[in-house]
Amino acid sequence: DDRPKPLIAVGGKTLLDHNLDRLAEAGIGTAIVNVHYLP
């Protein structure tokens, strides 16, 4: 109701950061993140 789902925390980390950390570990240099709700 007051925050976008990617910023919901699970295990002390937002869903979005879980994914971005995985990308960083894999050596991905750039991530495009699209936003719409509470951008």
Full PDB file with SEQRES, HELIX, SHEET, SSBOND, CRYST1, ORIGX, SCALE, CONECT and MASTER records, all heavy atoms in Angstrom:
SEQRES   1 A   39  ASP ASP ARG PRO LYS PRO LEU ILE ALA VAL GLY GLY LYS          
SEQRES   2 A   39  THR LEU LEU ASP HIS ASN LEU ASP ARG LEU ALA GLU ALA          
SEQRES   3 A   39  GLY ILE GLY THR ALA ILE VAL ASN VAL HIS TYR LEU PRO          
HELIX    1 AA1 LYS A    5  LEU A    7  5                                   3    
HELIX    2 AA2 LEU A   15  GLU A   25  1                                  11    
SHEET    1 AA1 2 ALA A   9  VAL A  10  0                                        
SHEET    2 AA1 2 LYS A  13  THR A  14 -1                                        
CRYST1    1.000    1.000    1.000  90.00  90.00  90.00 P 1           1          
ORIGX1      1.000000  0.000000  0.000000        0.00000                         
ORIGX2      0.000000  1.000000  0.000000        0.00000                         
ORIGX3      0.000000  0.000000  1.000000        0.00000                         
SCALE1      1.000000  0.000000  0.000000        0.00000                         
SCALE2      0.000000  1.000000  0.000000        0.00000                         
SCALE3      0.000000  0.000000  1.000000        0.00000                         
ATOM      1  N   ASP A   1       0.823  -1.209   0.000  1.00  0.00           N  
ATOM      2  CA  ASP A   1       0.000   0.000   0.000  1.00  0.00           C  
ATOM      3  C   ASP A   1       0.861   1.265   0.000  1.00  0.00           C  
ATOM      4  O   ASP A   1       0.477   2.285  -0.586  1.00  0.00           O  
ATOM      5  CB  ASP A   1      -0.928   0.025   1.220  1.00  0.00           C  
ATOM      6  CG  ASP A   1      -2.096  -0.938   1.081  1.00  0.00           C  
ATOM      7  OD1 ASP A   1      -2.354  -1.408  -0.050  1.00  0.00           O  
ATOM      8  OD2 ASP A   1      -2.744  -1.228   2.111  1.00  0.00           O  
ATOM      9  N   ASP A   2       2.024   1.173   0.642  1.00  0.00           N  
ATOM     10  CA  ASP A   2       2.858   2.375   0.759  1.00  0.00           C  
ATOM     11  C   ASP A   2       4.286   2.179   0.261  1.00  0.00           C  
ATOM     12  O   ASP A   2       5.141   3.025   0.476  1.00  0.00           O  
ATOM     13  CB  ASP A   2       2.893   2.862   2.219  1.00  0.00           C  
ATOM     14  CG  ASP A   2       3.453   1.812   3.175  1.00  0.00           C  
ATOM     15  OD1 ASP A   2       3.759   0.675   2.724  1.00  0.00           O  
ATOM     16  OD2 ASP A   2       3.574   2.117   4.372  1.00  0.00           O  
ATOM     17  N   ARG A   3       4.557   1.044  -0.388  1.00  0.00           N  
ATOM     18  CA  ARG A   3       5.898   0.831  -0.961  1.00  0.00           C  
ATOM     19  C   ARG A   3       5.786  -0.151  -2.117  1.00  0.00           C  
ATOM     20  O   ARG A   3       4.904  -1.019  -2.134  1.00  0.00           O  
ATOM     21  CB  ARG A   3       6.872   0.302   0.096  1.00  0.00           C  
ATOM     22  CG  ARG A   3       6.568  -1.097   0.573  1.00  0.00           C  
ATOM     23  CD  ARG A   3       7.438  -1.514   1.740  1.00  0.00           C  
ATOM     24  NE  ARG A   3       6.637  -2.002   2.824  1.00  0.00           N  
ATOM     25  CZ  ARG A   3       7.100  -2.691   3.859  1.00  0.00           C  
ATOM     26  NH1 ARG A   3       8.385  -2.949   3.936  1.00  0.00           N  
ATOM     27  NH2 ARG A   3       6.295  -3.102   4.802  1.00  0.00           N  
ATOM     28  N   PRO A   4       6.679  -0.046  -3.091  1.00  0.00           N  
ATOM     29  CA  PRO A   4       6.644  -0.979  -4.222  1.00  0.00           C  
ATOM     30  C   PRO A   4       7.154  -2.354  -3.798  1.00  0.00           C  
ATOM     31  O   PRO A   4       8.002  -2.469  -2.907  1.00  0.00           O  
ATOM     32  CB  PRO A   4       7.580  -0.328  -5.243  1.00  0.00           C  
ATOM     33  CG  PRO A   4       8.492   0.529  -4.436  1.00  0.00           C  
ATOM     34  CD  PRO A   4       7.722   0.975  -3.233  1.00  0.00           C  
ATOM     35  N   LYS A   5       6.641  -3.386  -4.430  1.00  0.00           N  
ATOM     36  CA  LYS A   5       7.003  -4.754  -4.052  1.00  0.00           C  
ATOM     37  C   LYS A   5       8.511  -5.011  -4.099  1.00  0.00           C  
ATOM     38  O   LYS A   5       9.031  -5.717  -3.221  1.00  0.00           O  
ATOM     39  CB  LYS A   5       6.258  -5.769  -4.930  1.00  0.00           C  
ATOM     40  CG  LYS A   5       6.541  -7.214  -4.531  1.00  0.00           C  
ATOM     41  CD  LYS A   5       5.556  -8.195  -5.141  1.00  0.00           C  
ATOM     42  CE  LYS A   5       5.629  -8.251  -6.634  1.00  0.00           C  
ATOM     43  NZ  LYS A   5       4.821  -9.354  -7.194  1.00  0.00           N  
ATOM     44  N   PRO A   6       9.260  -4.482  -5.079  1.00  0.00           N  
ATOM     45  CA  PRO A   6      10.705  -4.755  -5.080  1.00  0.00           C  
ATOM     46  C   PRO A   6      11.435  -4.284  -3.827  1.00  0.00           C  
ATOM     47  O   PRO A   6      12.545  -4.745  -3.556  1.00  0.00           O  
ATOM     48  CB  PRO A   6      11.195  -3.995  -6.317  1.00  0.00           C  
ATOM     49  CG  PRO A   6      10.014  -3.950  -7.225  1.00  0.00           C  
ATOM     50  CD  PRO A   6       8.838  -3.776  -6.306  1.00  0.00           C  
ATOM     51  N   LEU A   7      10.818  -3.391  -3.057  1.00  0.00           N  
ATOM     52  CA  LEU A   7      11.461  -2.904  -1.833  1.00  0.00           C  
ATOM     53  C   LEU A   7      10.976  -3.621  -0.588  1.00  0.00           C  
ATOM     54  O   LEU A   7      11.347  -3.257   0.534  1.00  0.00           O  
ATOM     55  CB  LEU A   7      11.254  -1.393  -1.690  1.00  0.00           C  
ATOM     56  CG  LEU A   7      11.903  -0.529  -2.780  1.00  0.00           C  
ATOM     57  CD1 LEU A   7      11.799   0.947  -2.427  1.00  0.00           C  
ATOM     58  CD2 LEU A   7      13.368  -0.918  -3.021  1.00  0.00           C  
ATOM     59  N   ILE A   8      10.141  -4.662  -0.748  1.00  0.00           N  
ATOM     60  CA  ILE A   8       9.795  -5.526   0.377  1.00  0.00           C  
ATOM     61  C   ILE A   8      11.049  -6.295   0.786  1.00  0.00           C  
ATOM     62  O   ILE A   8      11.771  -6.836  -0.056  1.00  0.00           O  
ATOM     63  CB  ILE A   8       8.675  -6.516  -0.009  1.00  0.00           C  
ATOM     64  CG1 ILE A   8       7.398  -5.768  -0.390  1.00  0.00           C  
ATOM     65  CG2 ILE A   8       8.420  -7.516   1.102  1.00  0.00           C  
ATOM     66  CD1 ILE A   8       6.708  -5.079   0.758  1.00  0.00           C  
ATOM     67  N   ALA A   9      11.311  -6.346   2.085  1.00  0.00           N  
ATOM     68  CA  ALA A   9      12.513  -7.028   2.575  1.00  0.00           C  
ATOM     69  C   ALA A   9      12.206  -8.482   2.917  1.00  0.00           C  
ATOM     70  O   ALA A   9      11.156  -8.799   3.470  1.00  0.00           O  
ATOM     71  CB  ALA A   9      13.062  -6.318   3.799  1.00  0.00           C  
ATOM     72  N   VAL A  10      13.138  -9.354   2.576  1.00  0.00           N  
ATOM     73  CA  VAL A  10      13.078 -10.761   2.960  1.00  0.00           C  
ATOM     74  C   VAL A  10      14.489 -11.169   3.351  1.00  0.00           C  
ATOM     75  O   VAL A  10      15.444 -10.901   2.628  1.00  0.00           O  
ATOM     76  CB  VAL A  10      12.518 -11.650   1.830  1.00  0.00           C  
ATOM     77  CG1 VAL A  10      13.279 -11.474   0.547  1.00  0.00           C  
ATOM     78  CG2 VAL A  10      12.505 -13.118   2.248  1.00  0.00           C  
ATOM     79  N   GLY A  11      14.635 -11.754   4.526  1.00  0.00           N  
ATOM     80  CA  GLY A  11      15.965 -12.110   5.001  1.00  0.00           C  
ATOM     81  C   GLY A  11      16.852 -10.903   5.225  1.00  0.00           C  
ATOM     82  O   GLY A  11      18.072 -10.975   5.056  1.00  0.00           O  
ATOM     83  N   GLY A  12      16.253  -9.763   5.594  1.00  0.00           N  
ATOM     84  CA  GLY A  12      17.030  -8.566   5.882  1.00  0.00           C  
ATOM     85  C   GLY A  12      17.514  -7.798   4.669  1.00  0.00           C  
ATOM     86  O   GLY A  12      18.321  -6.876   4.803  1.00  0.00           O  
ATOM     87  N   LYS A  13      16.995  -8.133   3.492  1.00  0.00           N  
ATOM     88  CA  LYS A  13      17.430  -7.474   2.258  1.00  0.00           C  
ATOM     89  C   LYS A  13      16.236  -7.344   1.336  1.00  0.00           C  
ATOM     90  O   LYS A  13      15.390  -8.240   1.273  1.00  0.00           O  
ATOM     91  CB  LYS A  13      18.535  -8.312   1.586  1.00  0.00           C  
ATOM     92  CG  LYS A  13      19.155  -7.697   0.353  1.00  0.00           C  
ATOM     93  CD  LYS A  13      20.062  -8.690  -0.366  1.00  0.00           C  
ATOM     94  CE  LYS A  13      21.227  -9.152   0.484  1.00  0.00           C  
ATOM     95  NZ  LYS A  13      22.170  -9.990  -0.319  1.00  0.00           N  
ATOM     96  N   THR A  14      16.143  -6.229   0.604  1.00  0.00           N  
ATOM     97  CA  THR A  14      15.009  -6.073  -0.301  1.00  0.00           C  
ATOM     98  C   THR A  14      15.091  -7.089  -1.438  1.00  0.00           C  
ATOM     99  O   THR A  14      16.174  -7.548  -1.811  1.00  0.00           O  
ATOM    100  CB  THR A  14      14.954  -4.664  -0.909  1.00  0.00           C  
ATOM    101  OG1 THR A  14      16.040  -4.489  -1.829  1.00  0.00           O  
ATOM    102  CG2 THR A  14      14.987  -3.588   0.165  1.00  0.00           C  
ATOM    103  N   LEU A  15      13.908  -7.416  -1.979  1.00  0.00           N  
ATOM    104  CA  LEU A  15      13.867  -8.311  -3.135  1.00  0.00           C  
ATOM    105  C   LEU A  15      14.745  -7.780  -4.258  1.00  0.00           C  
ATOM    106  O   LEU A  15      15.470  -8.539  -4.916  1.00  0.00           O  
ATOM    107  CB  LEU A  15      12.427  -8.459  -3.621  1.00  0.00           C  
ATOM    108  CG  LEU A  15      11.470  -9.213  -2.704  1.00  0.00           C  
ATOM    109  CD1 LEU A  15      10.025  -9.012  -3.163  1.00  0.00           C  
ATOM    110  CD2 LEU A  15      11.810 -10.695  -2.668  1.00  0.00           C  
ATOM    111  N   LEU A  16      14.687  -6.476  -4.487  1.00  0.00           N  
ATOM    112  CA  LEU A  16      15.478  -5.876  -5.554  1.00  0.00           C  
ATOM    113  C   LEU A  16      16.970  -6.059  -5.313  1.00  0.00           C  
ATOM    114  O   LEU A  16      17.724  -6.408  -6.236  1.00  0.00           O  
ATOM    115  CB  LEU A  16      15.130  -4.392  -5.662  1.00  0.00           C  
ATOM    116  CG  LEU A  16      15.783  -3.596  -6.795  1.00  0.00           C  
ATOM    117  CD1 LEU A  16      15.530  -4.238  -8.148  1.00  0.00           C  
ATOM    118  CD2 LEU A  16      15.266  -2.154  -6.780  1.00  0.00           C  
ATOM    119  N   ASP A  17      17.414  -5.866  -4.079  1.00  0.00           N  
ATOM    120  CA  ASP A  17      18.841  -6.025  -3.780  1.00  0.00           C  
ATOM    121  C   ASP A  17      19.291  -7.480  -3.867  1.00  0.00           C  
ATOM    122  O   ASP A  17      20.438  -7.750  -4.233  1.00  0.00           O  
ATOM    123  CB  ASP A  17      19.159  -5.444  -2.401  1.00  0.00           C  
ATOM    124  CG  ASP A  17      19.174  -3.925  -2.415  1.00  0.00           C  
ATOM    125  OD1 ASP A  17      19.741  -3.343  -3.353  1.00  0.00           O  
ATOM    126  OD2 ASP A  17      18.611  -3.308  -1.488  1.00  0.00           O  
ATOM    127  N   HIS A  18      18.407  -8.415  -3.521  1.00  0.00           N  
ATOM    128  CA  HIS A  18      18.751  -9.826  -3.725  1.00  0.00           C  
ATOM    129  C   HIS A  18      19.143 -10.051  -5.195  1.00  0.00           C  
ATOM    130  O   HIS A  18      20.157 -10.693  -5.493  1.00  0.00           O  
ATOM    131  CB  HIS A  18      17.562 -10.728  -3.376  1.00  0.00           C  
ATOM    132  CG  HIS A  18      17.442 -11.072  -1.928  1.00  0.00           C  
ATOM    133  ND1 HIS A  18      18.267 -11.992  -1.306  1.00  0.00           N  
ATOM    134  CD2 HIS A  18      16.586 -10.626  -0.967  1.00  0.00           C  
ATOM    135  CE1 HIS A  18      17.931 -12.101  -0.034  1.00  0.00           C  
ATOM    136  NE2 HIS A  18      16.910 -11.285   0.200  1.00  0.00           N  
ATOM    137  N   ASN A  19      18.325  -9.529  -6.107  1.00  0.00           N  
ATOM    138  CA  ASN A  19      18.587  -9.733  -7.530  1.00  0.00           C  
ATOM    139  C   ASN A  19      19.818  -8.981  -8.009  1.00  0.00           C  
ATOM    140  O   ASN A  19      20.637  -9.513  -8.771  1.00  0.00           O  
ATOM    141  CB  ASN A  19      17.354  -9.313  -8.338  1.00  0.00           C  
ATOM    142  CG  ASN A  19      16.254 -10.348  -8.311  1.00  0.00           C  
ATOM    143  OD1 ASN A  19      16.308 -11.342  -9.025  1.00  0.00           O  
ATOM    144  ND2 ASN A  19      15.253 -10.140  -7.475  1.00  0.00           N  
ATOM    145  N   LEU A  20      19.969  -7.749  -7.587  1.00  0.00           N  
ATOM    146  CA  LEU A  20      21.123  -6.959  -8.022  1.00  0.00           C  
ATOM    147  C   LEU A  20      22.424  -7.533  -7.476  1.00  0.00           C  
ATOM    148  O   LEU A  20      23.457  -7.509  -8.164  1.00  0.00           O  
ATOM    149  CB  LEU A  20      20.938  -5.510  -7.595  1.00  0.00           C  
ATOM    150  CG  LEU A  20      19.805  -4.770  -8.315  1.00  0.00           C  
ATOM    151  CD1 LEU A  20      19.584  -3.400  -7.678  1.00  0.00           C  
ATOM    152  CD2 LEU A  20      20.095  -4.625  -9.809  1.00  0.00           C  
ATOM    153  N   ASP A  21      22.393  -8.067  -6.259  1.00  0.00           N  
ATOM    154  CA  ASP A  21      23.596  -8.704  -5.719  1.00  0.00           C  
ATOM    155  C   ASP A  21      23.971  -9.938  -6.526  1.00  0.00           C  
ATOM    156  O   ASP A  21      25.165 -10.206  -6.759  1.00  0.00           O  
ATOM    157  CB  ASP A  21      23.382  -9.081  -4.248  1.00  0.00           C  
ATOM    158  CG  ASP A  21      23.381  -7.869  -3.322  1.00  0.00           C  
ATOM    159  OD1 ASP A  21      23.751  -6.774  -3.772  1.00  0.00           O  
ATOM    160  OD2 ASP A  21      22.994  -8.038  -2.144  1.00  0.00           O  
ATOM    161  N   ARG A  22      22.971 -10.716  -6.970  1.00  0.00           N  
ATOM    162  CA  ARG A  22      23.253 -11.881  -7.810  1.00  0.00           C  
ATOM    163  C   ARG A  22      23.920 -11.438  -9.125  1.00  0.00           C  
ATOM    164  O   ARG A  22      24.855 -12.076  -9.612  1.00  0.00           O  
ATOM    165  CB  ARG A  22      21.963 -12.633  -8.134  1.00  0.00           C  
ATOM    166  CG  ARG A  22      21.301 -13.312  -6.960  1.00  0.00           C  
ATOM    167  CD  ARG A  22      22.100 -14.492  -6.469  1.00  0.00           C  
ATOM    168  NE  ARG A  22      21.354 -15.293  -5.514  1.00  0.00           N  
ATOM    169  CZ  ARG A  22      21.908 -16.031  -4.576  1.00  0.00           C  
ATOM    170  NH1 ARG A  22      23.226 -16.051  -4.467  1.00  0.00           N  
ATOM    171  NH2 ARG A  22      21.187 -16.744  -3.741  1.00  0.00           N  
ATOM    172  N   LEU A  23      23.409 -10.361  -9.689  1.00  0.00           N  
ATOM    173  CA  LEU A  23      23.984  -9.863 -10.943  1.00  0.00           C  
ATOM    174  C   LEU A  23      25.420  -9.397 -10.731  1.00  0.00           C  
ATOM    175  O   LEU A  23      26.298  -9.666 -11.565  1.00  0.00           O  
ATOM    176  CB  LEU A  23      23.133  -8.719 -11.494  1.00  0.00           C  
ATOM    177  CG  LEU A  23      21.749  -9.117 -12.002  1.00  0.00           C  
ATOM    178  CD1 LEU A  23      20.942  -7.872 -12.361  1.00  0.00           C  
ATOM    179  CD2 LEU A  23      21.850 -10.043 -13.213  1.00  0.00           C  
ATOM    180  N   ALA A  24      25.673  -8.714  -9.638  1.00  0.00           N  
ATOM    181  CA  ALA A  24      27.031  -8.260  -9.350  1.00  0.00           C  
ATOM    182  C   ALA A  24      27.985  -9.436  -9.201  1.00  0.00           C  
ATOM    183  O   ALA A  24      29.117  -9.424  -9.720  1.00  0.00           O  
ATOM    184  CB  ALA A  24      27.039  -7.400  -8.089  1.00  0.00           C  
ATOM    185  N   GLU A  25      27.526 -10.484  -8.504  1.00  0.00           N  
ATOM    186  CA  GLU A  25      28.358 -11.683  -8.321  1.00  0.00           C  
ATOM    187  C   GLU A  25      28.697 -12.340  -9.655  1.00  0.00           C  
ATOM    188  O   GLU A  25      29.761 -12.943  -9.804  1.00  0.00           O  
ATOM    189  CB  GLU A  25      27.632 -12.689  -7.435  1.00  0.00           C  
ATOM    190  CG  GLU A  25      27.459 -12.263  -5.991  1.00  0.00           C  
ATOM    191  CD  GLU A  25      26.467 -13.135  -5.233  1.00  0.00           C  
ATOM    192  OE1 GLU A  25      25.899 -14.082  -5.837  1.00  0.00           O  
ATOM    193  OE2 GLU A  25      26.243 -12.865  -4.037  1.00  0.00           O  
ATOM    194  N   ALA A  26      27.778 -12.236 -10.619  1.00  0.00           N  
ATOM    195  CA  ALA A  26      27.986 -12.848 -11.935  1.00  0.00           C  
ATOM    196  C   ALA A  26      28.780 -11.957 -12.880  1.00  0.00           C  
ATOM    197  O   ALA A  26      28.977 -12.310 -14.043  1.00  0.00           O  
ATOM    198  CB  ALA A  26      26.638 -13.197 -12.565  1.00  0.00           C  
ATOM    199  N   GLY A  27      29.218 -10.803 -12.406  1.00  0.00           N  
ATOM    200  CA  GLY A  27      30.030  -9.933 -13.225  1.00  0.00           C  
ATOM    201  C   GLY A  27      29.263  -9.045 -14.185  1.00  0.00           C  
ATOM    202  O   GLY A  27      29.847  -8.508 -15.137  1.00  0.00           O  
ATOM    203  N   ILE A  28      27.955  -8.886 -13.954  1.00  0.00           N  
ATOM    204  CA  ILE A  28      27.152  -8.032 -14.814  1.00  0.00           C  
ATOM    205  C   ILE A  28      27.461  -6.574 -14.491  1.00  0.00           C  
ATOM    206  O   ILE A  28      27.334  -6.141 -13.334  1.00  0.00           O  
ATOM    207  CB  ILE A  28      25.649  -8.315 -14.630  1.00  0.00           C  
ATOM    208  CG1 ILE A  28      25.354  -9.797 -14.910  1.00  0.00           C  
ATOM    209  CG2 ILE A  28      24.813  -7.410 -15.519  1.00  0.00           C  
ATOM    210  CD1 ILE A  28      25.747 -10.269 -16.299  1.00  0.00           C  
ATOM    211  N   GLY A  29      27.828  -5.800 -15.508  1.00  0.00           N  
ATOM    212  CA  GLY A  29      28.265  -4.426 -15.272  1.00  0.00           C  
ATOM    213  C   GLY A  29      27.146  -3.416 -15.183  1.00  0.00           C  
ATOM    214  O   GLY A  29      27.256  -2.426 -14.458  1.00  0.00           O  
ATOM    215  N   THR A  30      26.054  -3.647 -15.932  1.00  0.00           N  
ATOM    216  CA  THR A  30      24.958  -2.682 -15.989  1.00  0.00           C  
ATOM    217  C   THR A  30      23.628  -3.397 -15.850  1.00  0.00           C  
ATOM    218  O   THR A  30      23.396  -4.419 -16.496  1.00  0.00           O  
ATOM    219  CB  THR A  30      24.972  -1.910 -17.327  1.00  0.00           C  
ATOM    220  OG1 THR A  30      26.208  -1.200 -17.448  1.00  0.00           O  
ATOM    221  CG2 THR A  30      23.815  -0.923 -17.401  1.00  0.00           C  
ATOM    222  N   ALA A  31      22.753  -2.843 -15.006  1.00  0.00           N  
ATOM    223  CA  ALA A  31      21.396  -3.369 -14.852  1.00  0.00           C  
ATOM    224  C   ALA A  31      20.398  -2.246 -15.097  1.00  0.00           C  
ATOM    225  O   ALA A  31      20.471  -1.190 -14.460  1.00  0.00           O  
ATOM    226  CB  ALA A  31      21.198  -3.954 -13.456  1.00  0.00           C  
ATOM    227  N   ILE A  32      19.483  -2.466 -16.025  1.00  0.00           N  
ATOM    228  CA  ILE A  32      18.394  -1.526 -16.271  1.00  0.00           C  
ATOM    229  C   ILE A  32      17.217  -1.968 -15.416  1.00  0.00           C  
ATOM    230  O   ILE A  32      16.792  -3.128 -15.472  1.00  0.00           O  
ATOM    231  CB  ILE A  32      18.006  -1.501 -17.752  1.00  0.00           C  
ATOM    232  CG1 ILE A  32      19.213  -1.095 -18.612  1.00  0.00           C  
ATOM    233  CG2 ILE A  32      16.838  -0.548 -17.998  1.00  0.00           C  
ATOM    234  CD1 ILE A  32      18.969  -1.187 -20.102  1.00  0.00           C  
ATOM    235  N   VAL A  33      16.700  -1.061 -14.602  1.00  0.00           N  
ATOM    236  CA  VAL A  33      15.583  -1.356 -13.704  1.00  0.00           C  
ATOM    237  C   VAL A  33      14.396  -0.505 -14.139  1.00  0.00           C  
ATOM    238  O   VAL A  33      14.495   0.730 -14.139  1.00  0.00           O  
ATOM    239  CB  VAL A  33      15.959  -1.049 -12.236  1.00  0.00           C  
ATOM    240  CG1 VAL A  33      14.780  -1.364 -11.314  1.00  0.00           C  
ATOM    241  CG2 VAL A  33      17.194  -1.837 -11.816  1.00  0.00           C  
ATOM    242  N   ASN A  34      13.291  -1.142 -14.507  1.00  0.00           N  
ATOM    243  CA  ASN A  34      12.128  -0.341 -14.881  1.00  0.00           C  
ATOM    244  C   ASN A  34      11.236  -0.098 -13.664  1.00  0.00           C  
ATOM    245  O   ASN A  34      11.162  -0.922 -12.744  1.00  0.00           O  
ATOM    246  CB  ASN A  34      11.353  -0.955 -16.057  1.00  0.00           C  
ATOM    247  CG  ASN A  34      10.693  -2.277 -15.738  1.00  0.00           C  
ATOM    248  OD1 ASN A  34      10.990  -2.940 -14.748  1.00  0.00           O  
ATOM    249  ND2 ASN A  34       9.777  -2.687 -16.605  1.00  0.00           N  
ATOM    250  N   VAL A  35      10.601   1.065 -13.636  1.00  0.00           N  
ATOM    251  CA  VAL A  35       9.797   1.467 -12.483  1.00  0.00           C  
ATOM    252  C   VAL A  35       8.472   2.050 -12.965  1.00  0.00           C  
ATOM    253  O   VAL A  35       8.388   2.649 -14.039  1.00  0.00           O  
ATOM    254  CB  VAL A  35      10.536   2.504 -11.607  1.00  0.00           C  
ATOM    255  CG1 VAL A  35      11.795   1.902 -11.003  1.00  0.00           C  
ATOM    256  CG2 VAL A  35      10.890   3.767 -12.402  1.00  0.00           C  
ATOM    257  N   HIS A  36       7.427   1.858 -12.154  1.00  0.00           N  
ATOM    258  CA  HIS A  36       6.113   2.429 -12.456  1.00  0.00           C  
ATOM    259  C   HIS A  36       5.389   2.823 -11.171  1.00  0.00           C  
ATOM    260  O   HIS A  36       5.072   3.988 -10.986  1.00  0.00           O  
ATOM    261  CB  HIS A  36       5.265   1.428 -13.246  1.00  0.00           C  
ATOM    262  CG  HIS A  36       3.856   1.879 -13.462  1.00  0.00           C  
ATOM    263  ND1 HIS A  36       3.504   2.796 -14.427  1.00  0.00           N  
ATOM    264  CD2 HIS A  36       2.696   1.560 -12.804  1.00  0.00           C  
ATOM    265  CE1 HIS A  36       2.195   3.020 -14.375  1.00  0.00           C  
ATOM    266  NE2 HIS A  36       1.682   2.285 -13.396  1.00  0.00           N  
ATOM    267  N   TYR A  37       5.149   1.865 -10.293  1.00  0.00           N  
ATOM    268  CA  TYR A  37       4.401   2.116  -9.056  1.00  0.00           C  
ATOM    269  C   TYR A  37       5.340   2.658  -7.984  1.00  0.00           C  
ATOM    270  O   TYR A  37       6.375   2.044  -7.694  1.00  0.00           O  
ATOM    271  CB  TYR A  37       3.741   0.816  -8.599  1.00  0.00           C  
ATOM    272  CG  TYR A  37       3.016   0.900  -7.282  1.00  0.00           C  
ATOM    273  CD1 TYR A  37       1.930   1.749  -7.125  1.00  0.00           C  
ATOM    274  CD2 TYR A  37       3.412   0.124  -6.205  1.00  0.00           C  
ATOM    275  CE1 TYR A  37       1.250   1.828  -5.913  1.00  0.00           C  
ATOM    276  CE2 TYR A  37       2.744   0.180  -4.996  1.00  0.00           C  
ATOM    277  CZ  TYR A  37       1.666   1.046  -4.854  1.00  0.00           C  
ATOM    278  OH  TYR A  37       1.008   1.109  -3.655  1.00  0.00           O  
ATOM    279  N   LEU A  38       5.007   3.816  -7.413  1.00  0.00           N  
ATOM    280  CA  LEU A  38       5.849   4.483  -6.415  1.00  0.00           C  
ATOM    281  C   LEU A  38       7.310   4.504  -6.863  1.00  0.00           C  
ATOM    282  O   LEU A  38       8.216   4.088  -6.131  1.00  0.00           O  
ATOM    283  CB  LEU A  38       5.702   3.793  -5.049  1.00  0.00           C  
ATOM    284  CG  LEU A  38       4.280   3.759  -4.473  1.00  0.00           C  
ATOM    285  CD1 LEU A  38       4.249   2.928  -3.187  1.00  0.00           C  
ATOM    286  CD2 LEU A  38       3.767   5.163  -4.210  1.00  0.00           C  
ATOM    287  N   PRO A  39       7.555   5.006  -8.074  1.00  0.00           N  
ATOM    288  CA  PRO A  39       8.888   4.906  -8.664  1.00  0.00           C  
ATOM    289  C   PRO A  39       9.965   5.670  -7.907  1.00  0.00           C  
ATOM    290  O   PRO A  39      11.125   5.242  -7.881  1.00  0.00           O  
ATOM    291  CB  PRO A  39       8.694   5.473 -10.071  1.00  0.00           C  
ATOM    292  CG  PRO A  39       7.533   6.408  -9.938  1.00  0.00           C  
ATOM    293  CD  PRO A  39       6.622   5.747  -8.941  1.00  0.00           C  
TER     294      PRO A  39                                                      
MASTER        0    0    0    2    2    0    0    6  293    1    0    3          
END                                                                             
